[in-house]
C-alpha atoms as a PDB file:
ATOM      1  CA  MET A   1     -22.639  33.681 -36.205  1.00  0.00           C
ATOM      2  CA  ILE A   2     -19.831  35.148 -34.151  1.00  0.00           C
ATOM      3  CA  LEU A   3     -20.725  32.728 -31.289  1.00  0.00           C
ATOM      4  CA  ASP A   4     -20.715  29.852 -33.458  1.00  0.00           C
ATOM      5  CA  LEU A   5     -17.214  30.856 -34.567  1.00  0.00           C
ATOM      6  CA  ALA A   6     -15.985  31.235 -30.961  1.00  0.00           C
ATOM      7  CA  PRO A   7     -17.400  28.800 -28.625  1.00  0.00           C
ATOM      8  CA  GLU A   8     -14.743  29.618 -26.082  1.00  0.00           C
ATOM      9  CA  ILE A   9     -16.866  32.859 -25.348  1.00  0.00           C
ATOM     10  CA  ILE A  10     -20.031  30.766 -23.926  1.00  0.00           C
ATOM     11  CA  GLU A  11     -17.474  28.790 -21.784  1.00  0.00           C
ATOM     12  CA  VAL A  12     -16.074  31.723 -19.789  1.00  0.00           C
ATOM     13  CA  ARG A  13     -19.433  33.447 -18.981  1.00  0.00           C
ATOM     14  CA  PRO A  14     -19.705  34.287 -15.277  1.00  0.00           C
ATOM     15  CA  ALA A  15     -22.133  32.051 -13.700  1.00  0.00           C
ATOM     16  CA  ALA A  16     -25.419  33.732 -12.372  1.00  0.00           C
ATOM     17  CA  GLY A  17     -25.790  34.713  -8.874  1.00  0.00           C
ATOM     18  CA  ARG A  18     -26.609  32.418  -6.260  1.00  0.00           C
ATOM     19  CA  VAL A  19     -29.592  32.812  -4.105  1.00  0.00           C
ATOM     20  CA  VAL A  20     -28.860  33.269  -0.426  1.00  0.00           C
ATOM     21  CA  ARG A  21     -30.915  30.427   1.472  1.00  0.00           C
ATOM     22  CA  LYS A  22     -32.291  30.900   4.734  1.00  0.00           C
ATOM     23  CA  PRO A  23     -30.487  29.179   7.430  1.00  0.00           C
ATOM     24  CA  SER A  24     -31.759  25.640   8.363  1.00  0.00           C
ATOM     25  CA  TRP A  25     -32.997  24.439  11.666  1.00  0.00           C
ATOM     26  CA  TRP A  26     -29.438  22.351  12.382  1.00  0.00           C
ATOM     27  CA  GLN A  27     -27.259  25.304  11.702  1.00  0.00           C
ATOM     28  CA  ARG A  28     -29.058  27.275  14.151  1.00  0.00           C
ATOM     29  CA  GLY A  29     -29.096  24.629  16.841  1.00  0.00           C
ATOM     30  CA  MET A  30     -25.345  23.928  16.115  1.00  0.00           C
ATOM     31  CA  MET A  31     -24.431  27.808  16.448  1.00  0.00           C
ATOM     32  CA  LEU A  32     -26.758  28.142  19.496  1.00  0.00           C
ATOM     33  CA  ALA A  33     -25.165  24.951  21.001  1.00  0.00           C
ATOM     34  CA  GLY A  34     -21.482  26.484  20.301  1.00  0.00           C
ATOM     35  CA  ALA A  35     -22.644  29.653  21.983  1.00  0.00           C
ATOM     36  CA  VAL A  36     -24.135  27.942  25.141  1.00  0.00           C
ATOM     37  CA  GLY A  37     -21.080  26.007  25.383  1.00  0.00           C
ATOM     38  CA  LEU A  38     -18.733  29.231  25.326  1.00  0.00           C
ATOM     39  CA  GLY A  39     -21.173  30.695  27.758  1.00  0.00           C
ATOM     40  CA  PHE A  40     -20.558  28.010  30.213  1.00  0.00           C
ATOM     41  CA  LEU A  41     -16.736  28.377  29.805  1.00  0.00           C
ATOM     42  CA  LEU A  42     -16.914  31.959  30.562  1.00  0.00           C
ATOM     43  CA  ARG A  43     -19.252  31.430  33.383  1.00  0.00           C
ATOM     44  CA  SER A  44     -16.679  28.772  35.061  1.00  0.00           C
ATOM     45  CA  MET A  45     -13.804  31.415  34.975  1.00  0.00           C
ATOM     46  CA  SER A  46     -16.338  34.295  36.494  1.00  0.00           C
ATOM     47  CA  HIS A  47     -13.346  35.259  38.725  1.00  0.00           C
ATOM     48  CA  THR A  48     -10.921  35.834  36.066  1.00  0.00           C
ATOM     49  CA  LYS A  49      -9.911  39.655  35.659  1.00  0.00           C
ATOM     50  CA  TRP A  50     -10.831  39.906  32.016  1.00  0.00           C
ATOM     51  CA  THR A  51     -10.589  43.625  32.007  1.00  0.00           C
ATOM     52  CA  THR A  52      -7.006  43.383  33.207  1.00  0.00           C
ATOM     53  CA  ILE A  53      -6.463  40.755  30.422  1.00  0.00           C
ATOM     54  CA  PHE A  54      -7.637  42.477  27.316  1.00  0.00           C
ATOM     55  CA  VAL A  55      -6.086  45.567  28.674  1.00  0.00           C
ATOM     56  CA  HIS A  56      -2.626  43.843  28.260  1.00  0.00           C
ATOM     57  CA  LEU A  57      -3.659  42.138  25.005  1.00  0.00           C
ATOM     58  CA  GLY A  58      -5.470  45.214  23.392  1.00  0.00           C
ATOM     59  CA  PRO A  59      -2.099  46.584  21.681  1.00  0.00           C
ATOM     60  CA  VAL A  60      -1.135  42.966  20.672  1.00  0.00           C
ATOM     61  CA  LEU A  61      -4.696  42.263  18.515  1.00  0.00           C
ATOM     62  CA  PRO A  62      -3.474  44.379  15.436  1.00  0.00           C
ATOM     63  CA  LEU A  63      -0.070  42.339  15.576  1.00  0.00           C
ATOM     64  CA  THR A  64      -2.339  39.211  15.626  1.00  0.00           C
ATOM     65  CA  ALA A  65      -4.423  40.755  12.668  1.00  0.00           C
ATOM     66  CA  ALA A  66      -1.425  41.270  10.657  1.00  0.00           C
ATOM     67  CA  VAL A  67       0.040  37.813  11.364  1.00  0.00           C
ATOM     68  CA  ALA A  68      -3.740  36.421   9.889  1.00  0.00           C
ATOM     69  CA  VAL A  69      -3.037  38.587   6.791  1.00  0.00           C
ATOM     70  CA  GLY A  70       0.061  37.032   6.527  1.00  0.00           C
ATOM     71  CA  TRP A  71      -0.985  33.512   6.376  1.00  0.00           C
ATOM     72  CA  MET A  72      -3.908  34.489   4.058  1.00  0.00           C
ATOM     73  CA  THR A  73      -1.071  35.932   1.935  1.00  0.00           C
ATOM     74  CA  VAL A  74       0.445  32.778   1.937  1.00  0.00           C
ATOM     75  CA  TYR A  75      -2.719  30.807   1.039  1.00  0.00           C
ATOM     76  CA  ALA A  76      -3.236  32.853  -1.712  1.00  0.00           C
ATOM     77  CA  ARG A  77       0.237  31.981  -3.236  1.00  0.00           C
ATOM     78  CA  GLY A  78      -1.016  28.440  -3.028  1.00  0.00           C
ATOM     79  CA  LEU A  79      -4.076  29.264  -5.268  1.00  0.00           C
ATOM     80  CA  TRP A  80      -1.756  31.475  -7.378  1.00  0.00           C
ATOM     81  CA  VAL A  81       0.446  28.108  -8.042  1.00  0.00           C
ATOM     82  CA  ILE A  82      -2.740  26.086  -8.828  1.00  0.00           C
ATOM     83  CA  ILE A  83      -3.873  28.411 -11.568  1.00  0.00           C
ATOM     84  CA  ASP A  84      -0.473  28.797 -12.950  1.00  0.00           C
ATOM     85  CA  GLY A  85       0.054  32.504 -12.129  1.00  0.00           C
ATOM     86  CA  ALA A  86      -2.794  33.340 -14.416  1.00  0.00           C
ATOM     87  CA  VAL A  87      -4.147  35.747 -11.986  1.00  0.00           C
ATOM     88  CA  GLY A  88      -1.840  38.334  -9.918  1.00  0.00           C
ATOM     89  CA  TRP A  89      -1.079  37.393  -6.486  1.00  0.00           C
ATOM     90  CA  GLY A  90      -2.114  40.790  -5.107  1.00  0.00           C
ATOM     91  CA  ARG A  91      -5.514  40.381  -6.537  1.00  0.00           C
ATOM     92  CA  LEU A  92      -5.608  36.663  -5.026  1.00  0.00           C
ATOM     93  CA  ILE A  93      -4.756  38.244  -1.452  1.00  0.00           C
ATOM     94  CA  TYR A  94      -7.761  40.533  -2.006  1.00  0.00           C
ATOM     95  CA  ASN A  95      -9.891  37.334  -3.070  1.00  0.00           C
ATOM     96  CA  LYS A  96      -8.772  35.485  -0.020  1.00  0.00           C
ATOM     97  CA  ILE A  97      -9.186  38.409   2.603  1.00  0.00           C
ATOM     98  CA  VAL A  98     -12.947  39.028   1.266  1.00  0.00           C
ATOM     99  CA  GLY A  99     -13.415  35.311   0.805  1.00  0.00           C
ATOM    100  CA  GLU A 100     -12.770  34.638   4.367  1.00  0.00           C
ATOM    101  CA  ALA A 101     -14.882  37.738   5.479  1.00  0.00           C
ATOM    102  CA  TYR A 102     -17.734  36.160   4.029  1.00  0.00           C
ATOM    103  CA  ASN A 103     -17.066  32.763   5.314  1.00  0.00           C
ATOM    104  CA  VAL A 104     -17.358  34.256   8.624  1.00  0.00           C
ATOM    105  CA  ALA A 105     -20.002  37.004   8.135  1.00  0.00           C
ATOM    106  CA  MET A 106     -22.498  34.428   6.510  1.00  0.00           C
ATOM    107  CA  PRO A 107     -22.299  31.011   8.087  1.00  0.00           C
ATOM    108  CA  LEU A 108     -25.941  30.340   8.528  1.00  0.00           C
ATOM    109  CA  GLY A 109     -26.956  31.284   4.853  1.00  0.00           C
ATOM    110  CA  ASP A 110     -24.720  28.454   3.708  1.00  0.00           C
ATOM    111  CA  VAL A 111     -23.182  30.634   1.234  1.00  0.00           C
ATOM    112  CA  GLY A 112     -19.744  31.390   2.638  1.00  0.00           C
ATOM    113  CA  GLY A 113     -16.723  33.168   0.593  1.00  0.00           C
ATOM    114  CA  ASP A 114     -16.242  30.601  -2.133  1.00  0.00           C
ATOM    115  CA  PRO A 115     -19.075  31.999  -4.566  1.00  0.00           C
ATOM    116  CA  PHE A 116     -17.508  35.263  -3.989  1.00  0.00           C
ATOM    117  CA  ARG A 117     -14.102  34.108  -4.690  1.00  0.00           C
ATOM    118  CA  ILE A 118     -15.225  31.925  -7.791  1.00  0.00           C
ATOM    119  CA  ALA A 119     -16.979  35.064  -9.408  1.00  0.00           C
ATOM    120  CA  ASP A 120     -14.196  37.434  -8.465  1.00  0.00           C
ATOM    121  CA  ILE A 121     -11.226  35.370 -10.444  1.00  0.00           C
ATOM    122  CA  ALA A 122     -14.163  34.510 -13.165  1.00  0.00           C
ATOM    123  CA  ALA A 123     -14.096  38.187 -14.305  1.00  0.00           C
ATOM    124  CA  GLU A 124     -10.393  37.230 -15.526  1.00  0.00           C
ATOM    125  CA  LEU A 125     -10.331  33.512 -15.955  1.00  0.00           C
ATOM    126  CA  GLY A 126     -13.912  32.726 -16.959  1.00  0.00           C
ATOM    127  CA  THR A 127     -16.446  30.558 -14.896  1.00  0.00           C
ATOM    128  CA  ALA A 128     -14.899  27.048 -15.570  1.00  0.00           C
ATOM    129  CA  THR A 129     -11.544  27.778 -14.820  1.00  0.00           C
ATOM    130  CA  ALA A 130     -12.445  29.380 -11.638  1.00  0.00           C
ATOM    131  CA  VAL A 131     -14.526  26.918 -10.473  1.00  0.00           C
ATOM    132  CA  ARG A 132     -11.625  24.377 -10.958  1.00  0.00           C
ATOM    133  CA  GLY A 133      -9.200  26.609  -9.035  1.00  0.00           C
ATOM    134  CA  ILE A 134     -11.175  27.065  -6.145  1.00  0.00           C
ATOM    135  CA  VAL A 135     -12.146  23.692  -5.745  1.00  0.00           C
ATOM    136  CA  LEU A 136      -8.714  22.223  -5.951  1.00  0.00           C
ATOM    137  CA  ASP A 137      -7.450  25.025  -3.752  1.00  0.00           C
ATOM    138  CA  ARG A 138     -10.070  23.846  -1.425  1.00  0.00           C
ATOM    139  CA  LEU A 139      -9.042  20.152  -1.802  1.00  0.00           C
ATOM    140  CA  VAL A 140      -5.384  21.066  -1.182  1.00  0.00           C
ATOM    141  CA  TYR A 141      -6.176  22.888   1.961  1.00  0.00           C
ATOM    142  CA  ALA A 142      -7.946  20.077   3.253  1.00  0.00           C
ATOM    143  CA  THR A 143      -5.177  18.120   2.742  1.00  0.00           C
ATOM    144  CA  SER A 144      -2.989  20.322   4.446  1.00  0.00           C
ATOM    145  CA  GLY A 145      -5.192  20.373   7.540  1.00  0.00           C
ATOM    146  CA  PHE A 146      -5.134  16.795   7.699  1.00  0.00           C
ATOM    147  CA  LEU A 147      -1.111  16.648   7.422  1.00  0.00           C
ATOM    148  CA  PHE A 148      -0.837  19.758   9.994  1.00  0.00           C
ATOM    149  CA  SER A 149      -3.031  18.266  12.464  1.00  0.00           C
ATOM    150  CA  ALA A 150      -1.660  14.717  12.232  1.00  0.00           C
ATOM    151  CA  ALA A 151       1.919  16.160  12.676  1.00  0.00           C
ATOM    152  CA  SER A 152       1.053  18.174  15.305  1.00  0.00           C
ATOM    153  CA  ALA A 153      -0.915  15.898  17.389  1.00  0.00           C
ATOM    154  CA  THR A 154       2.552  13.401  16.869  1.00  0.00           C
ATOM    155  CA  GLY A 155       4.425  16.426  18.709  1.00  0.00           C
ATOM    156  CA  THR A 156       1.744  17.008  21.423  1.00  0.00           C
ATOM    157  CA  VAL A 157       1.810  13.070  22.463  1.00  0.00           C
ATOM    158  CA  TRP A 158       5.662  13.125  22.558  1.00  0.00           C
ATOM    159  CA  ALA A 159       6.099  16.302  24.293  1.00  0.00           C
ATOM    160  CA  PHE A 160       3.447  15.979  27.025  1.00  0.00           C
ATOM    161  CA  ALA A 161       2.623  13.243  29.447  1.00  0.00           C
ATOM    162  CA  LEU A 162      -1.125  12.742  28.849  1.00  0.00           C
ATOM    163  CA  ASP A 163      -3.787  10.480  30.044  1.00  0.00           C
ATOM    164  CA  SER A 164      -3.769   7.060  28.006  1.00  0.00           C
ATOM    165  CA  ARG A 165      -7.007   7.511  26.881  1.00  0.00           C
ATOM    166  CA  ILE A 166      -6.065  10.796  24.828  1.00  0.00           C
ATOM    167  CA  VAL A 167      -3.154   9.317  23.549  1.00  0.00           C
ATOM    168  CA  HIS A 168      -4.826   6.701  21.914  1.00  0.00           C
ATOM    169  CA  LEU A 169      -7.434   9.109  20.691  1.00  0.00           C
ATOM    170  CA  LEU A 170      -4.515  11.139  19.154  1.00  0.00           C
ATOM    171  CA  VAL A 171      -2.824   8.381  17.809  1.00  0.00           C
ATOM    172  CA  ALA A 172      -6.068   7.242  16.225  1.00  0.00           C
ATOM    173  CA  TYR A 173      -6.492  10.551  14.489  1.00  0.00           C
ATOM    174  CA  THR A 174      -2.969  10.848  13.259  1.00  0.00           C
ATOM    175  CA  VAL A 175      -3.483   7.539  11.399  1.00  0.00           C
ATOM    176  CA  VAL A 176      -6.940   8.290  10.066  1.00  0.00           C
ATOM    177  CA  ALA A 177      -5.924  11.830   9.040  1.00  0.00           C
ATOM    178  CA  THR A 178      -2.623  10.720   7.387  1.00  0.00           C
ATOM    179  CA  VAL A 179      -4.760   8.218   5.224  1.00  0.00           C
ATOM    180  CA  ALA A 180      -7.098  10.945   4.391  1.00  0.00           C
ATOM    181  CA  ALA A 181      -4.361  13.149   3.266  1.00  0.00           C
ATOM    182  CA  VAL A 182      -2.973  10.568   1.199  1.00  0.00           C
ATOM    183  CA  GLY A 183      -6.419   9.685  -0.473  1.00  0.00           C
ATOM    184  CA  LEU A 184      -6.835  13.597  -1.290  1.00  0.00           C
ATOM    185  CA  PHE A 185      -3.437  13.602  -2.867  1.00  0.00           C
ATOM    186  CA  ALA A 186      -4.415  10.447  -5.085  1.00  0.00           C
ATOM    187  CA  PHE A 187      -8.127  12.024  -5.623  1.00  0.00           C
ATOM    188  CA  VAL A 188      -6.732  15.533  -6.726  1.00  0.00           C
ATOM    189  CA  THR A 189      -3.911  14.360  -9.180  1.00  0.00           C
ATOM    190  CA  HIS A 190      -6.321  11.598 -10.560  1.00  0.00           C
ATOM    191  CA  SER A 191      -8.644  12.129 -13.734  1.00  0.00           C
ATOM    192  CA  ALA A 192     -11.365  11.405 -11.227  1.00  0.00           C
ATOM    193  CA  SER A 193     -11.164  15.112  -9.610  1.00  0.00           C
ATOM    194  CA  ALA A 194     -11.298  16.169 -13.145  1.00  0.00           C
ATOM    195  CA  ARG A 195     -14.777  14.537 -13.609  1.00  0.00           C
ATOM    196  CA  LEU A 196     -15.963  15.882 -10.525  1.00  0.00           C
ATOM    197  CA  ILE A 197     -15.124  19.412 -11.481  1.00  0.00           C
ATOM    198  CA  GLY A 198     -16.938  18.701 -14.937  1.00  0.00           C
ATOM    199  CA  ARG A 199     -20.057  17.600 -12.991  1.00  0.00           C
ATOM    200  CA  LEU A 200     -20.054  20.598 -10.936  1.00  0.00           C
ATOM    201  CA  LEU A 201     -19.836  22.672 -13.972  1.00  0.00           C
ATOM    202  CA  ARG A 202     -22.384  20.979 -15.715  1.00  0.00           C
ATOM    203  CA  LEU A 203     -24.935  21.236 -12.634  1.00  0.00           C
ATOM    204  CA  ALA A 204     -24.009  25.276 -12.929  1.00  0.00           C
ATOM    205  CA  LYS A 205     -24.771  25.047 -16.906  1.00  0.00           C
ATOM    206  CA  VAL A 206     -21.511  26.084 -17.887  1.00  0.00           C
ATOM    207  CA  GLN A 207     -20.491  24.867 -21.161  1.00  0.00           C
ATOM    208  CA  LEU A 208     -17.007  23.075 -21.485  1.00  0.00           C
ATOM    209  CA  PRO A 209     -14.944  23.192 -24.553  1.00  0.00           C
ATOM    210  CA  GLN A 210     -13.099  20.208 -23.002  1.00  0.00           C
ATOM    211  CA  VAL A 211     -12.825  18.161 -19.865  1.00  0.00           C
ATOM    212  CA  PRO A 212     -10.924  19.936 -16.891  1.00  0.00           C
ATOM    213  CA  SER A 213      -7.518  18.457 -16.101  1.00  0.00           C
ATOM    214  CA  PRO A 214      -6.373  17.022 -12.859  1.00  0.00           C
ATOM    215  CA  LEU A 215      -3.815  18.853 -11.131  1.00  0.00           C
ATOM    216  CA  PRO A 216      -0.264  17.802 -11.634  1.00  0.00           C
ATOM    217  CA  ALA A 217       1.443  15.967  -8.592  1.00  0.00           C
ATOM    218  CA  ALA A 218       4.327  18.581  -8.503  1.00  0.00           C
ATOM    219  CA  THR A 219       2.036  21.353  -8.682  1.00  0.00           C
ATOM    220  CA  PHE A 220       0.216  19.948  -6.067  1.00  0.00           C
ATOM    221  CA  MET A 221       2.968  19.654  -3.697  1.00  0.00           C
ATOM    222  CA  ARG A 222       4.275  23.114  -4.469  1.00  0.00           C
ATOM    223  CA  ALA A 223       0.531  24.391  -3.498  1.00  0.00           C
ATOM    224  CA  LEU A 224       0.351  22.071  -0.485  1.00  0.00           C
ATOM    225  CA  GLY A 225       3.960  23.684   0.871  1.00  0.00           C
ATOM    226  CA  TRP A 226       2.411  26.937   0.620  1.00  0.00           C
ATOM    227  CA  ASN A 227      -0.829  25.641   2.696  1.00  0.00           C
ATOM    228  CA  LEU A 228       1.265  24.254   5.195  1.00  0.00           C
ATOM    229  CA  LEU A 229       3.219  27.207   5.873  1.00  0.00           C
ATOM    230  CA  GLY A 230      -0.030  29.020   6.237  1.00  0.00           C
ATOM    231  CA  ARG A 231      -1.159  26.498   8.630  1.00  0.00           C
ATOM    232  CA  ALA A 232       1.772  27.448  10.884  1.00  0.00           C
ATOM    233  CA  GLY A 233       0.802  30.896  10.962  1.00  0.00           C
ATOM    234  CA  VAL A 234      -1.246  30.002  14.112  1.00  0.00           C
ATOM    235  CA  TRP A 235       2.054  29.100  15.842  1.00  0.00           C
ATOM    236  CA  ALA A 236       2.983  32.982  15.382  1.00  0.00           C
ATOM    237  CA  GLU A 237      -0.417  34.306  16.529  1.00  0.00           C
ATOM    238  CA  VAL A 238      -0.601  32.095  19.990  1.00  0.00           C
ATOM    239  CA  ALA A 239       3.158  33.091  20.716  1.00  0.00           C
ATOM    240  CA  LEU A 240       2.127  37.009  20.293  1.00  0.00           C
ATOM    241  CA  LEU A 241      -0.953  36.236  22.649  1.00  0.00           C
ATOM    242  CA  LEU A 242       0.991  34.702  25.306  1.00  0.00           C
ATOM    243  CA  TRP A 243       3.930  37.299  25.126  1.00  0.00           C
ATOM    244  CA  GLY A 244       1.205  39.850  25.580  1.00  0.00           C
ATOM    245  CA  LEU A 245      -0.137  38.081  28.581  1.00  0.00           C
ATOM    246  CA  GLY A 246       3.371  38.005  29.991  1.00  0.00           C
ATOM    247  CA  GLN A 247       3.670  34.206  29.735  1.00  0.00           C
ATOM    248  CA  PRO A 248       6.717  32.344  28.777  1.00  0.00           C
ATOM    249  CA  VAL A 249       6.278  31.028  25.209  1.00  0.00           C
ATOM    250  CA  ARG A 250       7.071  27.495  24.703  1.00  0.00           C
ATOM    251  CA  PHE A 251       7.059  25.850  21.097  1.00  0.00           C
ATOM    252  CA  ASP A 252       5.424  22.813  22.605  1.00  0.00           C
ATOM    253  CA  ALA A 253       2.576  24.724  23.778  1.00  0.00           C
ATOM    254  CA  LEU A 254       2.051  26.190  20.310  1.00  0.00           C
ATOM    255  CA  VAL A 255       2.337  22.837  18.809  1.00  0.00           C
ATOM    256  CA  ALA A 256      -0.321  21.379  21.421  1.00  0.00           C
ATOM    257  CA  THR A 257      -2.451  24.589  20.437  1.00  0.00           C
ATOM    258  CA  GLY A 258      -2.364  24.089  16.537  1.00  0.00           C
ATOM    259  CA  ALA A 259      -3.013  20.311  16.804  1.00  0.00           C
ATOM    260  CA  LEU A 260      -6.193  20.534  19.104  1.00  0.00           C
ATOM    261  CA  SER A 261      -7.530  23.813  17.448  1.00  0.00           C
ATOM    262  CA  SER A 262      -7.159  22.139  13.991  1.00  0.00           C
ATOM    263  CA  ILE A 263      -8.655  18.820  15.017  1.00  0.00           C
ATOM    264  CA  ALA A 264     -11.398  20.472  16.761  1.00  0.00           C
ATOM    265  CA  GLY A 265     -11.969  22.731  13.340  1.00  0.00           C
ATOM    266  CA  ILE A 266     -11.923  19.590  11.117  1.00  0.00           C
ATOM    267  CA  LEU A 267     -14.073  17.210  13.586  1.00  0.00           C
ATOM    268  CA  PHE A 268     -16.665  19.953  14.137  1.00  0.00           C
ATOM    269  CA  THR A 269     -16.616  21.561  10.932  1.00  0.00           C
ATOM    270  CA  PHE A 270     -20.432  21.581  10.983  1.00  0.00           C
ATOM    271  CA  ILE A 271     -20.684  24.126  13.730  1.00  0.00           C
ATOM    272  CA  PRO A 272     -20.603  27.502  12.051  1.00  0.00           C
ATOM    273  CA  ASN A 273     -17.445  29.454  12.662  1.00  0.00           C
ATOM    274  CA  GLY A 274     -16.191  26.582  15.539  1.00  0.00           C
ATOM    275  CA  LEU A 275     -18.104  28.981  17.720  1.00  0.00           C
ATOM    276  CA  GLY A 276     -17.083  27.587  21.360  1.00  0.00           C
ATOM    277  CA  VAL A 277     -15.295  24.625  19.798  1.00  0.00           C
ATOM    278  CA  ASN A 278     -12.122  26.609  18.773  1.00  0.00           C
ATOM    279  CA  GLU A 279     -11.992  28.424  22.367  1.00  0.00           C
ATOM    280  CA  GLY A 280     -12.758  24.973  24.196  1.00  0.00           C
ATOM    281  CA  ALA A 281      -9.790  23.511  21.893  1.00  0.00           C
ATOM    282  CA  VAL A 282      -7.445  26.314  23.285  1.00  0.00           C
ATOM    283  CA  VAL A 283      -8.305  26.033  26.829  1.00  0.00           C
ATOM    284  CA  PHE A 284      -7.720  22.234  26.722  1.00  0.00           C
ATOM    285  CA  ALA A 285      -4.137  22.644  24.862  1.00  0.00           C
ATOM    286  CA  LEU A 286      -2.801  25.350  27.030  1.00  0.00           C
ATOM    287  CA  THR A 287      -4.374  23.817  30.217  1.00  0.00           C
ATOM    288  CA  ILE A 288      -2.213  20.617  29.548  1.00  0.00           C
ATOM    289  CA  ALA A 289       0.632  22.564  28.518  1.00  0.00           C
ATOM    290  CA  GLY A 290       0.848  24.160  32.341  1.00  0.00           C
ATOM    291  CA  TYR A 291      -0.639  27.729  31.408  1.00  0.00           C
ATOM    292  CA  GLY A 292      -3.871  27.300  32.962  1.00  0.00           C
ATOM    293  CA  GLU A 293      -7.706  27.477  32.066  1.00  0.00           C
ATOM    294  CA  GLY A 294      -7.860  31.182  32.415  1.00  0.00           C
ATOM    295  CA  ILE A 295      -4.890  31.813  29.977  1.00  0.00           C
ATOM    296  CA  GLY A 296      -6.243  29.525  27.670  1.00  0.00           C
ATOM    297  CA  LEU A 297      -9.721  31.186  27.475  1.00  0.00           C
ATOM    298  CA  ALA A 298      -8.054  34.846  27.041  1.00  0.00           C
ATOM    299  CA  VAL A 299      -6.111  33.644  23.865  1.00  0.00           C
ATOM    300  CA  GLY A 300      -9.186  31.686  22.223  1.00  0.00           C
ATOM    301  CA  LEU A 301     -11.302  34.972  22.923  1.00  0.00           C
ATOM    302  CA  ALA A 302      -8.614  37.248  21.480  1.00  0.00           C
ATOM    303  CA  ARG A 303      -8.319  34.933  18.405  1.00  0.00           C
ATOM    304  CA  ARG A 304     -12.233  35.268  18.046  1.00  0.00           C
ATOM    305  CA  VAL A 305     -11.792  39.175  18.253  1.00  0.00           C
ATOM    306  CA  ARG A 306      -9.176  39.126  15.708  1.00  0.00           C
ATOM    307  CA  GLN A 307     -11.237  36.736  13.439  1.00  0.00           C
ATOM    308  CA  LEU A 308     -14.211  39.543  13.918  1.00  0.00           C
ATOM    309  CA  LEU A 309     -11.501  42.338  13.095  1.00  0.00           C
ATOM    310  CA  LEU A 310     -10.244  40.769  10.116  1.00  0.00           C
ATOM    311  CA  THR A 311     -14.306  39.966   9.131  1.00  0.00           C
ATOM    312  CA  ALA A 312     -14.991  43.841   9.239  1.00  0.00           C
ATOM    313  CA  LEU A 313     -11.561  44.299   7.424  1.00  0.00           C
ATOM    314  CA  GLY A 314     -12.721  42.102   4.340  1.00  0.00           C
ATOM    315  CA  LEU A 315     -16.171  43.360   4.256  1.00  0.00           C
ATOM    316  CA  VAL A 316     -14.994  47.228   4.285  1.00  0.00           C
ATOM    317  CA  LEU A 317     -12.565  46.049   1.653  1.00  0.00           C
ATOM    318  CA  HIS A 318     -15.093  44.665  -0.558  1.00  0.00           C
ATOM    319  CA  ALA A 319     -17.305  47.579  -0.191  1.00  0.00           C
ATOM    320  CA  LEU A 320     -14.565  50.238  -1.160  1.00  0.00           C
ATOM    321  CA  TRP A 321     -12.961  48.258  -4.090  1.00  0.00           C
ATOM    322  CA  ARG A 322     -14.323  45.479  -6.767  1.00  0.00           C
ATOM    323  CA  PRO A 323     -11.828  44.970  -9.107  1.00  0.00           C
ATOM    324  CA  MET A 324     -14.211  42.106 -10.694  1.00  0.00           C
ATOM    325  CA  ARG A 325     -16.084  44.715 -12.405  1.00  0.00           C
ATOM    326  CA  ALA A 326     -12.643  45.988 -14.314  1.00  0.00           C
ATOM    327  CA  GLY A 327     -11.809  42.494 -14.836  1.00  0.00           C
ATOM    328  CA  ARG A 328     -15.169  41.702 -16.621  1.00  0.00           C
ATOM    329  CA  THR A 329     -14.939  44.685 -19.007  1.00  0.00           C
ATOM    330  CA  GLN A 330     -11.432  43.432 -20.174  1.00  0.00           C
ATOM    331  CA  LEU A 331     -12.815  40.207 -20.485  1.00  0.00           C
ATOM    332  CA  LYS A 332     -15.535  41.327 -22.847  1.00  0.00           C
ATOM    333  CA  GLU A 333     -13.099  43.181 -24.731  1.00  0.00           C
ATOM    334  CA  HIS A 334     -10.610  40.259 -25.219  1.00  0.00           C
ATOM    335  CA  ARG A 335     -13.514  37.854 -26.061  1.00  0.00           C
ATOM    336  CA  ARG A 336     -15.207  40.395 -28.783  1.00  0.00           C
ATOM    337  CA  ALA A 337     -11.371  40.987 -30.035  1.00  0.00           C
ATOM    338  CA  ALA A 338     -11.123  37.205 -30.327  1.00  0.00           C
ATOM    339  CA  ALA A 339     -14.055  36.705 -31.992  1.00  0.00           C
ATOM    340  CA  ILE A 340     -13.849  39.297 -34.632  1.00  0.00           C
ATOM    341  CA  SER A 341     -10.172  38.238 -35.587  1.00  0.00           C
ATOM    342  CA  SER A 342     -11.129  34.501 -35.952  1.00  0.00           C
ATOM    343  CA  ALA A 343     -14.245  35.713 -38.303  1.00  0.00           C
ATOM    344  CA  PRO A 344     -12.204  36.144 -41.380  1.00  0.00           C
ATOM    345  CA  ALA A 345     -10.210  32.857 -41.201  1.00  0.00           C
ATOM    346  CA  ALA A 346     -13.434  30.782 -40.513  1.00  0.00           C
ATOM    347  CA  LEU A 347     -15.079  32.577 -43.489  1.00  0.00           C
END
């Protein structure tokens, strides 16, 4: 009887846990291909004094991890804008760090961190609002990736004397990425995105009191600004690593590294964690910038080590602190109070 009087209680019920699927053959194959490519890179530079390099980079790695936490903090602010501050910024930072840890730790199971992120904030917002927020956050993030890589590619073409074929490829990518970014903006701010989210929720058997609303253009632009600022964090990370290696830090090299690593991440998104691809992109970028393949691979490997460190941090953080439990308890109490208070009026 009370459920009939308060249908919103059904809407906010957290979705059932997702079953982890076994990695498919193509996922295993792509990761193996990336590992083989990385192995060839390492073998081609067997003369490099890796011990000496990582002795220099060791003290810098904690700083790069701090930089990465910084850009995750900025990304979390973008989600905070999308959900209109309904969840605290600190909680969303936790959500982002742990979610990214699961993205890295479970790439083969086709799970990643988004199911965790949805379940985490659903404890406070309800499933429908949480799904809408994470889906829109992903779309804004993708838009920032297209814009950041397009702008960085343009800067790379302008700053370096590249082979004409590379220039043509980068110019073509810039055009396509810009069109894709504009298309995503139009989609997210249009009712079509709301219908897509509604279908996702119906597939998950989440009942809706109303059709989800699209993201207002002004909110989209604010969230996009935070995401672009987060994207620029790669410049700070690469600058720290070059400094740790005793190399001069040049902004054009940072732009080229950001451009090629972003493009590689977008074009080869089907390779789990970009294994081998991200390292190769950094090697190519720093080679054309004049640093050499050895420095490029050292920077690429150091970024991979930093990623693993943050993954461990996120998993440990999740093991030690799970605020979603407290959030679910508060949400249940809120629902019960709302249902009880609405019952006399309905009668």
